[in-house]
Amino acid sequence: MAPSIPPEVWQHDADADAHIVLAARSLQSPNHTQQVTLAIIGAYVVAIAILWNVPYLRMVLWPFKVGNVQVFVSSLQVLN
């Protein structure tokens, strides 16, 4: 779940003198944690791309494919 913004940040009080400003995030220079996260995502993408295209290694991904389909179908059943 995404973090929620407290009401005092987004609600404007006409009597208040102080203005709360949300700073925009810059993606031009990611910090260390963001760099590690991007590296992990990249490694997963490369590993899945290799597993997806090698004939006998493709079977390694089969349980994850079936699991994703099961989650998707279950979510549709919950919505209906």
N, C-alpha and C. Protein backbone atom coordinates (compact mmCIF):
# COMPACT_ATOMS: atom_id res chain seq x y z
N MET A 1 0.85 -1.17 0.00
CA MET A 1 0.00 0.00 0.00
C MET A 1 0.90 1.24 0.00
N ALA A 2 0.52 2.21 -0.76
CA ALA A 2 1.28 3.45 -0.85
C ALA A 2 1.17 4.24 0.45
N PRO A 3 2.22 4.96 0.81
CA PRO A 3 2.14 5.76 2.03
C PRO A 3 1.12 6.88 1.87
N SER A 4 0.40 7.14 2.93
CA SER A 4 -0.62 8.17 2.86
C SER A 4 -0.03 9.52 3.31
N ILE A 5 -0.57 10.57 2.75
CA ILE A 5 -0.15 11.92 3.10
C ILE A 5 -1.11 12.43 4.17
N PRO A 6 -0.57 12.89 5.30
CA PRO A 6 -1.47 13.38 6.36
C PRO A 6 -2.31 14.56 5.89
N PRO A 7 -3.53 14.67 6.40
CA PRO A 7 -4.45 15.73 5.95
C PRO A 7 -3.89 17.14 6.11
N GLU A 8 -3.05 17.36 7.13
CA GLU A 8 -2.54 18.72 7.33
C GLU A 8 -1.60 19.15 6.21
N VAL A 9 -1.11 18.19 5.42
CA VAL A 9 -0.23 18.53 4.30
C VAL A 9 -1.03 18.98 3.10
N TRP A 10 -2.12 18.30 2.80
CA TRP A 10 -2.86 18.62 1.58
C TRP A 10 -4.08 19.47 1.81
N GLN A 11 -4.54 19.63 3.04
CA GLN A 11 -5.68 20.52 3.30
C GLN A 11 -5.15 21.93 3.56
N HIS A 12 -5.78 22.89 2.94
CA HIS A 12 -5.34 24.27 3.08
C HIS A 12 -6.17 24.97 4.15
N ASP A 13 -5.47 25.58 5.09
CA ASP A 13 -6.14 26.34 6.13
C ASP A 13 -5.92 27.82 5.81
N ALA A 14 -7.00 28.54 5.53
CA ALA A 14 -6.90 29.94 5.12
C ALA A 14 -6.30 30.82 6.22
N ASP A 15 -6.45 30.42 7.48
CA ASP A 15 -5.95 31.23 8.58
C ASP A 15 -4.48 30.97 8.89
N ALA A 16 -3.93 29.92 8.35
CA ALA A 16 -2.55 29.57 8.68
C ALA A 16 -1.57 30.45 7.91
N ASP A 17 -0.51 30.85 8.57
CA ASP A 17 0.51 31.67 7.92
C ASP A 17 1.54 30.80 7.20
N ALA A 18 1.78 29.60 7.73
CA ALA A 18 2.81 28.73 7.16
C ALA A 18 2.23 27.94 6.00
N HIS A 19 3.02 27.79 4.98
CA HIS A 19 2.63 26.99 3.83
C HIS A 19 3.50 25.74 3.81
N ILE A 20 2.85 24.61 3.64
CA ILE A 20 3.59 23.35 3.58
C ILE A 20 3.76 23.00 2.11
N VAL A 21 5.00 22.77 1.72
CA VAL A 21 5.30 22.47 0.33
C VAL A 21 5.89 21.07 0.25
N LEU A 22 5.37 20.27 -0.65
CA LEU A 22 5.93 18.94 -0.88
C LEU A 22 7.04 19.07 -1.91
N ALA A 23 8.20 18.56 -1.57
CA ALA A 23 9.35 18.63 -2.47
C ALA A 23 9.23 17.55 -3.54
N ALA A 24 9.54 17.92 -4.76
CA ALA A 24 9.53 16.95 -5.86
C ALA A 24 10.76 16.06 -5.75
N ARG A 25 10.60 14.79 -6.10
CA ARG A 25 11.72 13.87 -6.06
C ARG A 25 12.47 13.93 -7.38
N SER A 26 13.77 14.00 -7.28
CA SER A 26 14.59 14.03 -8.47
C SER A 26 15.09 12.62 -8.78
N LEU A 27 14.87 12.17 -10.00
CA LEU A 27 15.34 10.86 -10.41
C LEU A 27 16.65 10.95 -11.19
N GLN A 28 17.20 12.16 -11.29
CA GLN A 28 18.44 12.35 -12.01
C GLN A 28 19.64 11.78 -11.24
N SER A 29 19.59 11.85 -9.93
CA SER A 29 20.69 11.33 -9.11
C SER A 29 20.10 10.50 -7.97
N PRO A 30 19.85 9.20 -8.21
CA PRO A 30 19.26 8.36 -7.17
C PRO A 30 20.24 8.15 -6.01
N ASN A 31 19.69 8.01 -4.81
CA ASN A 31 20.54 7.76 -3.66
C ASN A 31 20.96 6.29 -3.64
N HIS A 32 21.73 5.90 -2.63
CA HIS A 32 22.29 4.54 -2.59
C HIS A 32 21.19 3.48 -2.56
N THR A 33 20.18 3.68 -1.75
CA THR A 33 19.10 2.70 -1.65
C THR A 33 18.38 2.53 -2.99
N GLN A 34 18.14 3.63 -3.69
CA GLN A 34 17.49 3.55 -4.99
C GLN A 34 18.39 2.85 -6.01
N GLN A 35 19.68 3.08 -5.93
CA GLN A 35 20.62 2.42 -6.84
C GLN A 35 20.62 0.91 -6.62
N VAL A 36 20.61 0.49 -5.35
CA VAL A 36 20.57 -0.94 -5.04
C VAL A 36 19.27 -1.55 -5.55
N THR A 37 18.15 -0.86 -5.33
CA THR A 37 16.86 -1.36 -5.79
C THR A 37 16.83 -1.50 -7.31
N LEU A 38 17.34 -0.50 -8.02
CA LEU A 38 17.37 -0.57 -9.48
C LEU A 38 18.28 -1.69 -9.97
N ALA A 39 19.39 -1.94 -9.27
CA ALA A 39 20.29 -3.03 -9.64
C ALA A 39 19.61 -4.38 -9.46
N ILE A 40 18.87 -4.55 -8.37
CA ILE A 40 18.15 -5.80 -8.12
C ILE A 40 17.07 -6.02 -9.18
N ILE A 41 16.34 -4.97 -9.50
CA ILE A 41 15.31 -5.07 -10.54
C ILE A 41 15.94 -5.46 -11.87
N GLY A 42 17.07 -4.85 -12.21
CA GLY A 42 17.76 -5.17 -13.45
C GLY A 42 18.23 -6.62 -13.48
N ALA A 43 18.75 -7.11 -12.34
CA ALA A 43 19.20 -8.50 -12.28
C ALA A 43 18.03 -9.47 -12.47
N TYR A 44 16.89 -9.16 -11.86
CA TYR A 44 15.70 -10.00 -12.03
C TYR A 44 15.24 -10.00 -13.49
N VAL A 45 15.25 -8.85 -14.12
CA VAL A 45 14.82 -8.76 -15.53
C VAL A 45 15.73 -9.60 -16.42
N VAL A 46 17.04 -9.50 -16.19
CA VAL A 46 17.98 -10.29 -17.00
C VAL A 46 17.80 -11.78 -16.74
N ALA A 47 17.66 -12.18 -15.48
CA ALA A 47 17.49 -13.60 -15.15
C ALA A 47 16.21 -14.16 -15.77
N ILE A 48 15.12 -13.42 -15.67
CA ILE A 48 13.85 -13.89 -16.24
C ILE A 48 13.94 -13.95 -17.76
N ALA A 49 14.59 -12.97 -18.37
CA ALA A 49 14.73 -12.98 -19.84
C ALA A 49 15.53 -14.20 -20.30
N ILE A 50 16.57 -14.55 -19.54
CA ILE A 50 17.36 -15.74 -19.90
C ILE A 50 16.54 -17.01 -19.69
N LEU A 51 15.89 -17.11 -18.52
CA LEU A 51 15.10 -18.31 -18.23
C LEU A 51 13.94 -18.48 -19.21
N TRP A 52 13.37 -17.37 -19.63
CA TRP A 52 12.20 -17.42 -20.52
C TRP A 52 12.56 -17.96 -21.89
N ASN A 53 13.81 -17.74 -22.34
CA ASN A 53 14.18 -18.06 -23.71
C ASN A 53 15.04 -19.32 -23.87
N VAL A 54 15.52 -19.90 -22.79
CA VAL A 54 16.30 -21.13 -22.89
C VAL A 54 15.34 -22.30 -22.72
N PRO A 55 15.28 -23.22 -23.70
CA PRO A 55 14.24 -24.24 -23.73
C PRO A 55 14.07 -25.05 -22.43
N TYR A 56 15.13 -25.63 -21.89
CA TYR A 56 14.95 -26.48 -20.71
C TYR A 56 14.87 -25.67 -19.42
N LEU A 57 15.46 -24.51 -19.40
CA LEU A 57 15.38 -23.65 -18.21
C LEU A 57 14.02 -22.96 -18.10
N ARG A 58 13.28 -22.94 -19.21
CA ARG A 58 11.96 -22.32 -19.22
C ARG A 58 11.04 -22.97 -18.20
N MET A 59 11.26 -24.26 -17.92
CA MET A 59 10.41 -24.99 -16.98
C MET A 59 10.57 -24.46 -15.55
N VAL A 60 11.67 -23.78 -15.25
CA VAL A 60 11.88 -23.21 -13.92
C VAL A 60 10.84 -22.14 -13.63
N LEU A 61 10.44 -21.40 -14.65
CA LEU A 61 9.47 -20.31 -14.47
C LEU A 61 8.03 -20.79 -14.44
N TRP A 62 7.77 -22.04 -14.82
CA TRP A 62 6.39 -22.54 -14.93
C TRP A 62 5.58 -22.36 -13.64
N PRO A 63 6.10 -22.72 -12.45
CA PRO A 63 5.29 -22.52 -11.24
C PRO A 63 4.91 -21.06 -10.99
N PHE A 64 5.80 -20.15 -11.35
CA PHE A 64 5.51 -18.73 -11.14
C PHE A 64 4.45 -18.24 -12.12
N LYS A 65 4.49 -18.74 -13.35
CA LYS A 65 3.47 -18.38 -14.33
C LYS A 65 2.11 -18.87 -13.87
N VAL A 66 2.04 -20.12 -13.41
CA VAL A 66 0.77 -20.70 -12.96
C VAL A 66 0.29 -19.96 -11.71
N GLY A 67 1.20 -19.62 -10.82
CA GLY A 67 0.81 -18.89 -9.61
C GLY A 67 0.24 -17.52 -9.94
N ASN A 68 0.82 -16.84 -10.90
CA ASN A 68 0.30 -15.52 -11.30
C ASN A 68 -1.09 -15.64 -11.91
N VAL A 69 -1.30 -16.67 -12.71
CA VAL A 69 -2.63 -16.87 -13.29
C VAL A 69 -3.64 -17.15 -12.19
N GLN A 70 -3.25 -17.96 -11.21
CA GLN A 70 -4.16 -18.29 -10.11
C GLN A 70 -4.52 -17.03 -9.31
N VAL A 71 -3.55 -16.19 -9.03
CA VAL A 71 -3.83 -14.94 -8.30
C VAL A 71 -4.75 -14.05 -9.11
N PHE A 72 -4.52 -13.96 -10.42
CA PHE A 72 -5.34 -13.12 -11.28
C PHE A 72 -6.79 -13.61 -11.32
N VAL A 73 -6.97 -14.91 -11.51
CA VAL A 73 -8.33 -15.46 -11.58
C VAL A 73 -9.03 -15.32 -10.23
N SER A 74 -8.31 -15.52 -9.14
CA SER A 74 -8.90 -15.36 -7.81
C SER A 74 -9.34 -13.92 -7.57
N SER A 75 -8.53 -12.97 -8.04
CA SER A 75 -8.91 -11.57 -7.84
C SER A 75 -10.14 -11.23 -8.66
N LEU A 76 -10.29 -11.83 -9.85
CA LEU A 76 -11.49 -11.59 -10.64
C LEU A 76 -12.72 -12.17 -9.96
N GLN A 77 -12.55 -13.33 -9.32
CA GLN A 77 -13.67 -13.94 -8.61
C GLN A 77 -14.09 -13.10 -7.41
N VAL A 78 -13.13 -12.49 -6.75
CA VAL A 78 -13.43 -11.64 -5.59
C VAL A 78 -14.19 -10.39 -6.04
N LEU A 79 -13.81 -9.85 -7.20
CA LEU A 79 -14.45 -8.62 -7.69
C LEU A 79 -15.88 -8.87 -8.17
N ASN A 80 -16.17 -10.08 -8.60
CA ASN A 80 -17.53 -10.35 -9.13
C ASN A 80 -18.43 -10.84 -8.07
